[in-house]
Amino acid sequence: MKPKVGIPRALLYYNYFPMWKAYFEELGAEVVLSDLTNKRILNEGVNCCVDDACLPMKVFHGHIIDLKDRADYLFIPRLISVKKNEYICPKFCGLPDMVLNSVKGLPPVIDCTINMRNGSSSFRKAVLEVGKRFTQDYRRIYRAYNKAIAQLRDFESLMEKGATPLEAMKGELPRHEGFKYTVGLIGHPYNIYDNYVSMRIIDKLRARGINVVTQDMVCTRELDKIAGNFTKPMFWSFGKKIMAASQYLIEKRQVRGIIYLVAFGCGLDALVGDLVERRIRRNGLPFCLLTIDEHTGEAGIDTRLEAFIDMLEWRDAAKC
């Protein structure tokens, strides 16, 4: 019987799930996912997580509760850095400890440390460490690793062609014609792509005839080139990508306006959001900052989106 590895549909699931899935399945495991985020998952996460945690962390805890009785292992990597010379939010580093402290009755947790700040040796070590839980055949472990990397490249390639992570996981590409406007939607992936957390913001914009471009749909090489010209290095991976993507969209004049979706209480968004907003407003583009937490109502978000769309249409009419 295949061992079941549980992966929560939260946080970096939207960046790396195809890679994780290919890796574990090649090692002979069965990957089990938590349900899509819903009211029950959110409420359970809020009830068990510490009060001062941000919304994405609370949602993650809810997904763990949903998953814990359906898996033999839970995959919760201890992430410090996912790219050389960069870091991600410190809460990711302590995430396995937060979960173990807050949620009782968990199966064994795979909490390998990934720290690529000084190179990829830590990642290779993590690949072996996790692989040896399922097989002692090193060649099989590295075959699984190579297949996982290939899956990640295909996944990222689809996103750069305009697919959201959920579409790319299905191998789908959205239509690109018939839209009145194109707007940029930036923010942490686990905020903008989780349909319950974001209240289906991408679907709502597309339904109104608006094409959506996110930071993950911009070529990584372009973003790295822009980030290399920052006055000071931005060593937060997501912050760098958000800032570089906003600048790319401004310079290329590819969008009529930009929406920034942030989670209340996120320290990184508080800093990056201010820098991004100043740059966008200096260039005369319409800008909308949407802040979400567990109390945010859908009606309020819809009203803000309607006002933003009305502003785009008003600016067009004023030019006539």
Foldseek 3Di string as FASTA:
>chain_A
DAFEEEEEPAACCQQQVLLVCLLRVLLRHHYDYFDADDPQLLVCLCVQADPLDFFRLSSRLSSCVRCFVPGQEYEQEQEADDEAQAGADNCSNCSVVRNPVRDPDGHHYLHQYADCNPHHPSVVVSLQVVSVVRDPPVVSSVVSNVSSVVSSVQLLVLLLQPDRSVQSVVVHHDDDDQAPFEEEEEERSRQCVRCVNVVNVCVVCVVVRYRYRYLSNHDPVQLVVQQVPDPDHDRHVRLSSRQSSLVVCLVVVRGQAYEYEEIPSDPSCVVSVVVSVVVCVVSPHHYHYHYTGPPDDPVVVVVSVVVSVVVSVVVVVVVD
